[in-house]
Amino acid sequence: MIWPFRRKSKRRMARIVIDEPITSSTRTSVLKSLKQIEDREFPALILRIDSPGGTVGDSQEIYSAIKRLKEKGCKVVASFGNISASGGVYIGVAADKIVANPGTITGSIGVIIRGNNFSELLEKIGIKFETVKSGLYKDILSPDKPLSEEGRVLLQSLIDESYGQFIGAVSEGRNISIEDVRKFADGRIFTGTQAKELRLVDEIGDEITARELAAKMANIDKKIEPLTFGKKKKKIFGIIPGGSIAESFFKKFLFEIESSNKLLWIYEP
C-alpha cells in the first residue's frame, strides 16, 4: 500500500516558485517542498526564480537540496523571471538547464556584507556603549564604532572564501572554467540574452519554454499542468488598498534586519 503522502507522480511535473529575497523562511519552505517532490517521485521540476538573491547559507542549502533531488532522477529546469541575480543564480546553476527571458536581470555574481556605523550619531545624542569582550574581533561590525582596518582584512577573507565557493558552483553547474567565470563574475549584471552568450543560461524563453524543455527531458506530456508546491497563503496586505506596496516595504524591512552582518549573495541597485 502507498500512503497518500508517498503516492507516486511519475507522469506529472512539479513546480516551485522563489519570488522573494532568499532568507531562512525561504529556505524552510523550499526544502519542505523539495522533500515532498522527492517522496512523490516527480520526474521533473520547474524552479521558477524571481529573486535578487539573499543570504549565503540559505542559498547554499537550497542549492544542495536541488542537487540531491537530481541524484534521485528528477530533471530540474530553472526558469528566470524578471530578476534572478546573485543567490538566485547560485540556486539556478544547480538545475540541469536554465531558461531566461531576453530581458531578465541576472548575474551579480559576488559577495557583500553590510554593517551600520552609528558612532557619530550616538556621540551627538550622548549614548555610549560599554563593551567587555573575549577577543579583538568579537564585536566586529558593532554599530557603535567604525570598522577597524584589522577587522576589514578579516571580513575580506570571509568575502573572498564565499566568492570562491560561488564561482566554483557556477563553474561546475554551467561547465565553464574557473578562469572564464572570473572574467564576468565581478558583480556586474546581464540581460538574459547576454547571459546566454556567456553560457550562464541555456535557452531564451518564458516559463512555458522551460516547461516544454523539462517535459522533453523527462519524457512526459507537456500539456499536463505542473503541480505547484509551497504556495503562499494570502495575507491581510492583499485585501487593503495599497497593500502590495506596504507588503513590499515590510518584507524589505524584515530582510534588512534578518540579513544584517551576514554574508550576502544579493543584487541591490
Protein backbone atom coordinates (compact mmCIF):
# COMPACT_ATOMS: atom_id res chain seq x y z
CA MET A 1 0.00 0.00 0.00
CA ILE A 2 1.27 3.50 -0.89
CA TRP A 3 0.28 6.13 1.64
CA PRO A 4 -1.14 9.43 0.24
CA PHE A 5 1.95 11.44 1.10
CA ARG A 6 4.11 8.84 -0.65
CA ARG A 7 1.96 8.49 -3.77
CA LYS A 8 3.91 8.47 -6.99
CA SER A 9 3.53 11.18 -9.64
CA LYS A 10 5.58 9.75 -12.46
CA ARG A 11 3.69 11.42 -15.28
CA ARG A 12 3.38 14.93 -13.86
CA MET A 13 5.72 17.87 -13.39
CA ALA A 14 6.30 19.72 -10.11
CA ARG A 15 6.83 23.45 -9.72
CA ILE A 16 8.37 25.66 -7.01
CA VAL A 17 8.34 29.46 -7.03
CA ILE A 18 11.01 31.58 -5.32
CA ASP A 19 9.77 35.15 -5.68
CA GLU A 20 11.37 36.95 -2.74
CA PRO A 21 14.80 37.60 -1.23
CA ILE A 22 16.29 34.31 -0.05
CA THR A 23 16.16 34.07 3.74
CA SER A 24 15.75 31.34 6.36
CA SER A 25 11.98 31.33 5.84
CA THR A 26 12.51 30.87 2.08
CA ARG A 27 14.88 28.00 2.77
CA THR A 28 12.42 26.29 5.13
CA SER A 29 9.58 26.48 2.61
CA VAL A 30 11.65 25.36 -0.40
CA LEU A 31 13.33 22.46 1.41
CA LYS A 32 9.94 21.20 2.58
CA SER A 33 8.61 21.35 -0.99
CA LEU A 34 11.67 19.59 -2.40
CA LYS A 35 11.24 16.76 0.12
CA GLN A 36 7.59 16.33 -0.92
CA ILE A 37 8.60 16.24 -4.57
CA GLU A 38 11.25 13.62 -3.81
CA ASP A 39 8.81 11.47 -1.80
CA ARG A 40 6.23 11.53 -4.59
CA GLU A 41 8.89 10.77 -7.21
CA PHE A 42 8.10 13.54 -9.66
CA PRO A 43 10.14 13.08 -12.84
CA ALA A 44 10.63 16.81 -13.45
CA LEU A 45 10.67 20.12 -11.59
CA ILE A 46 10.26 23.69 -12.80
CA LEU A 47 12.12 26.03 -10.48
CA ARG A 48 10.69 29.50 -11.10
CA ILE A 49 13.09 32.11 -9.72
CA ASP A 50 12.24 35.80 -9.46
CA SER A 51 14.62 36.90 -6.73
CA PRO A 52 17.56 39.28 -6.25
CA GLY A 53 19.32 36.68 -4.12
CA GLY A 54 19.83 36.72 -0.37
CA THR A 55 21.79 35.12 2.44
CA VAL A 56 24.66 32.80 1.56
CA GLY A 57 23.91 29.87 3.86
CA ASP A 58 20.24 29.67 2.90
CA SER A 59 21.07 29.80 -0.82
CA GLN A 60 23.62 27.01 -0.37
CA GLU A 61 21.17 24.72 1.44
CA ILE A 62 18.60 25.09 -1.35
CA TYR A 63 21.33 24.51 -3.94
CA SER A 64 22.44 21.29 -2.21
CA ALA A 65 18.87 20.01 -1.88
CA ILE A 66 18.26 20.52 -5.61
CA LYS A 67 21.39 18.54 -6.43
CA ARG A 68 20.21 15.70 -4.18
CA LEU A 69 16.84 15.70 -5.94
CA LYS A 70 18.60 15.41 -9.30
CA GLU A 71 20.53 12.39 -7.98
CA LYS A 72 17.14 10.72 -7.43
CA GLY A 73 16.44 11.06 -11.16
CA CYS A 74 14.33 14.22 -11.21
CA LYS A 75 15.06 16.58 -14.12
CA VAL A 76 15.26 20.20 -12.95
CA VAL A 77 14.83 23.23 -15.20
CA ALA A 78 15.23 26.73 -13.76
CA SER A 79 13.08 29.49 -15.24
CA PHE A 80 14.38 33.01 -14.55
CA GLY A 81 11.65 35.68 -14.34
CA ASN A 82 12.10 39.45 -14.01
CA ILE A 83 15.26 39.01 -11.96
CA SER A 84 17.38 36.09 -10.89
CA ALA A 85 20.59 37.53 -9.57
CA SER A 86 23.37 36.61 -7.16
CA GLY A 87 21.91 33.94 -4.83
CA GLY A 88 19.21 33.37 -7.43
CA VAL A 89 21.93 32.44 -9.91
CA TYR A 90 23.60 30.20 -7.32
CA ILE A 91 20.39 28.23 -6.86
CA GLY A 92 19.75 28.21 -10.61
CA VAL A 93 23.09 26.64 -11.54
CA ALA A 94 22.08 23.54 -9.55
CA ALA A 95 19.47 22.84 -12.26
CA ASP A 96 20.05 20.69 -15.34
CA LYS A 97 19.04 23.56 -17.62
CA ILE A 98 18.31 27.29 -17.26
CA VAL A 99 15.83 29.30 -19.31
CA ALA A 100 15.69 33.11 -19.06
CA ASN A 101 13.62 35.87 -20.64
CA PRO A 102 15.55 38.12 -23.05
CA GLY A 103 15.34 40.98 -20.56
CA THR A 104 15.78 39.04 -17.33
CA ILE A 105 18.18 40.76 -14.94
CA THR A 106 20.73 38.16 -13.93
CA GLY A 107 24.36 37.87 -12.92
CA SER A 108 25.58 39.97 -9.98
CA ILE A 109 27.92 37.15 -9.02
CA GLY A 110 29.67 38.34 -5.91
CA VAL A 111 29.51 38.68 -2.13
CA ILE A 112 28.75 41.54 0.22
CA ILE A 113 28.49 42.01 3.96
CA ARG A 114 26.94 45.09 5.50
CA GLY A 115 27.00 46.72 8.91
CA ASN A 116 25.84 50.04 10.31
CA ASN A 117 28.10 52.65 11.86
CA PHE A 118 26.08 54.92 14.15
CA SER A 119 29.04 56.04 16.24
CA GLU A 120 28.88 59.74 15.28
CA LEU A 121 25.12 59.88 15.79
CA LEU A 122 25.37 58.14 19.15
CA GLU A 123 28.09 60.55 20.22
CA LYS A 124 25.92 63.56 19.33
CA ILE A 125 22.99 62.35 21.38
CA GLY A 126 25.16 61.26 24.29
CA ILE A 127 24.86 57.50 24.06
CA LYS A 128 27.95 55.39 24.69
CA PHE A 129 28.27 51.59 24.61
CA GLU A 130 30.37 49.80 27.21
CA THR A 131 31.78 46.54 25.85
CA VAL A 132 33.61 43.68 27.52
CA LYS A 133 34.82 41.06 25.04
CA SER A 134 36.93 37.92 24.90
CA GLY A 135 38.84 38.78 21.75
CA LEU A 136 39.81 41.60 19.41
CA TYR A 137 37.17 40.77 16.78
CA LYS A 138 34.26 39.70 18.98
CA ASP A 139 32.36 42.95 18.33
CA ILE A 140 33.26 43.29 14.67
CA LEU A 141 30.67 45.38 12.75
CA SER A 142 29.26 46.69 16.01
CA PRO A 143 27.08 49.76 15.21
CA ASP A 144 28.72 51.93 17.88
CA LYS A 145 32.13 52.14 16.25
CA PRO A 146 33.75 52.33 12.81
CA LEU A 147 35.23 49.20 11.27
CA SER A 148 38.93 48.85 12.02
CA GLU A 149 41.48 48.05 9.32
CA GLU A 150 42.23 44.74 11.03
CA GLY A 151 38.52 43.93 11.03
CA ARG A 152 38.25 44.90 7.37
CA VAL A 153 41.05 42.47 6.47
CA LEU A 154 39.32 39.68 8.39
CA LEU A 155 35.96 40.29 6.72
CA GLN A 156 37.62 40.49 3.30
CA SER A 157 38.99 36.99 3.84
CA LEU A 158 35.44 35.76 4.51
CA ILE A 159 34.20 37.54 1.39
CA ASP A 160 36.97 36.00 -0.72
CA GLU A 161 36.24 32.49 0.55
CA SER A 162 32.50 32.83 -0.09
CA TYR A 163 33.21 34.28 -3.54
CA GLY A 164 35.39 31.28 -4.35
CA GLN A 165 32.53 28.94 -3.39
CA PHE A 166 30.17 30.90 -5.64
CA ILE A 167 32.33 30.84 -8.76
CA GLY A 168 33.13 27.18 -8.10
CA ALA A 169 29.42 26.34 -8.16
CA VAL A 170 28.90 28.35 -11.37
CA SER A 171 31.89 26.63 -12.97
CA GLU A 172 30.61 23.17 -12.07
CA GLY A 173 26.94 23.78 -12.84
CA ARG A 174 27.49 25.55 -16.15
CA ASN A 175 30.59 23.62 -17.25
CA ILE A 176 32.64 26.81 -17.57
CA SER A 177 36.23 27.02 -16.41
CA ILE A 178 37.00 28.93 -13.21
CA GLU A 179 39.16 31.33 -15.23
CA ASP A 180 36.31 32.13 -17.62
CA VAL A 181 33.81 32.57 -14.77
CA ARG A 182 36.13 35.07 -13.09
CA LYS A 183 36.13 37.20 -16.24
CA PHE A 184 32.48 38.17 -15.72
CA ALA A 185 31.89 37.35 -12.04
CA ASP A 186 32.68 40.83 -10.74
CA GLY A 187 29.21 41.82 -9.59
CA ARG A 188 28.01 43.10 -12.96
CA ILE A 189 24.51 42.27 -14.17
CA PHE A 190 23.35 40.97 -17.55
CA THR A 191 20.20 40.59 -19.58
CA GLY A 192 19.05 37.07 -20.32
CA THR A 193 20.39 37.41 -23.85
CA GLN A 194 23.82 38.50 -22.62
CA ALA A 195 23.81 35.68 -20.06
CA LYS A 196 23.20 33.15 -22.82
CA GLU A 197 26.24 34.43 -24.69
CA LEU A 198 28.26 33.84 -21.51
CA ARG A 199 26.71 30.36 -21.16
CA LEU A 200 25.06 31.27 -17.86
CA VAL A 201 21.71 30.20 -19.36
CA ASP A 202 20.84 27.59 -21.96
CA GLU A 203 17.80 29.00 -23.72
CA ILE A 204 15.93 32.27 -24.14
CA GLY A 205 12.23 31.93 -23.41
CA ASP A 206 9.48 32.12 -20.82
CA GLU A 207 8.21 29.61 -18.28
CA ILE A 208 6.29 27.75 -20.99
CA THR A 209 9.61 27.23 -22.78
CA ALA A 210 11.09 25.86 -19.56
CA ARG A 211 8.08 23.57 -19.09
CA GLU A 212 8.38 22.16 -22.61
CA LEU A 213 12.10 21.57 -22.12
CA ALA A 214 11.55 19.76 -18.80
CA ALA A 215 8.78 17.61 -20.31
CA LYS A 216 11.06 16.59 -23.16
CA MET A 217 13.91 15.76 -20.78
CA ALA A 218 11.65 13.64 -18.56
CA ASN A 219 9.62 12.18 -21.43
CA ILE A 220 6.24 13.32 -20.08
CA ASP A 221 3.26 15.15 -21.58
CA LYS A 222 3.97 18.89 -21.73
CA LYS A 223 0.24 19.66 -21.77
CA ILE A 224 -0.31 18.47 -18.19
CA GLU A 225 -0.24 21.43 -15.80
CA PRO A 226 2.57 21.34 -13.23
CA LEU A 227 1.65 20.96 -9.55
CA THR A 228 2.94 23.94 -7.58
CA PHE A 229 4.37 23.26 -4.12
CA GLY A 230 4.83 25.77 -1.30
CA LYS A 231 2.01 28.12 -2.30
CA LYS A 232 1.85 31.12 -0.01
CA LYS A 233 -1.31 31.91 1.89
CA LYS A 234 -2.95 35.25 1.18
CA LYS A 235 -2.17 37.81 3.86
CA ILE A 236 -4.03 40.85 5.10
CA PHE A 237 -1.97 43.10 2.78
CA GLY A 238 -3.78 41.55 -0.16
CA ILE A 239 -7.19 42.89 0.86
CA ILE A 240 -6.36 46.50 1.69
CA PRO A 241 -5.79 49.44 -0.72
CA GLY A 242 -2.09 49.88 -1.43
CA GLY A 243 -1.42 46.58 0.29
CA SER A 244 1.15 45.40 -2.22
CA ILE A 245 3.30 48.49 -1.61
CA ALA A 246 3.01 48.12 2.14
CA GLU A 247 3.84 44.42 1.91
CA SER A 248 6.90 45.12 -0.24
CA PHE A 249 8.17 47.70 2.25
CA PHE A 250 7.50 45.39 5.20
CA LYS A 251 9.36 42.49 3.54
CA LYS A 252 12.33 44.70 2.72
CA PHE A 253 12.42 45.99 6.30
CA LEU A 254 12.39 42.45 7.71
CA PHE A 255 15.09 41.36 5.28
CA GLU A 256 17.33 44.26 6.32
CA ILE A 257 17.00 43.18 9.94
CA GLU A 258 17.49 39.49 9.24
CA SER A 259 20.45 39.94 6.89
CA SER A 260 22.39 42.49 8.93
CA ASN A 261 26.03 41.38 9.48
CA LYS A 262 25.55 38.28 7.31
CA LEU A 263 27.34 37.33 4.13
CA LEU A 264 25.02 38.06 1.23
CA TRP A 265 24.68 36.98 -2.36
CA ILE A 266 22.28 39.69 -3.40
CA TYR A 267 21.78 42.34 -6.05
CA GLU A 268 20.51 45.73 -4.87
CA PRO A 269 20.58 48.67 -7.31
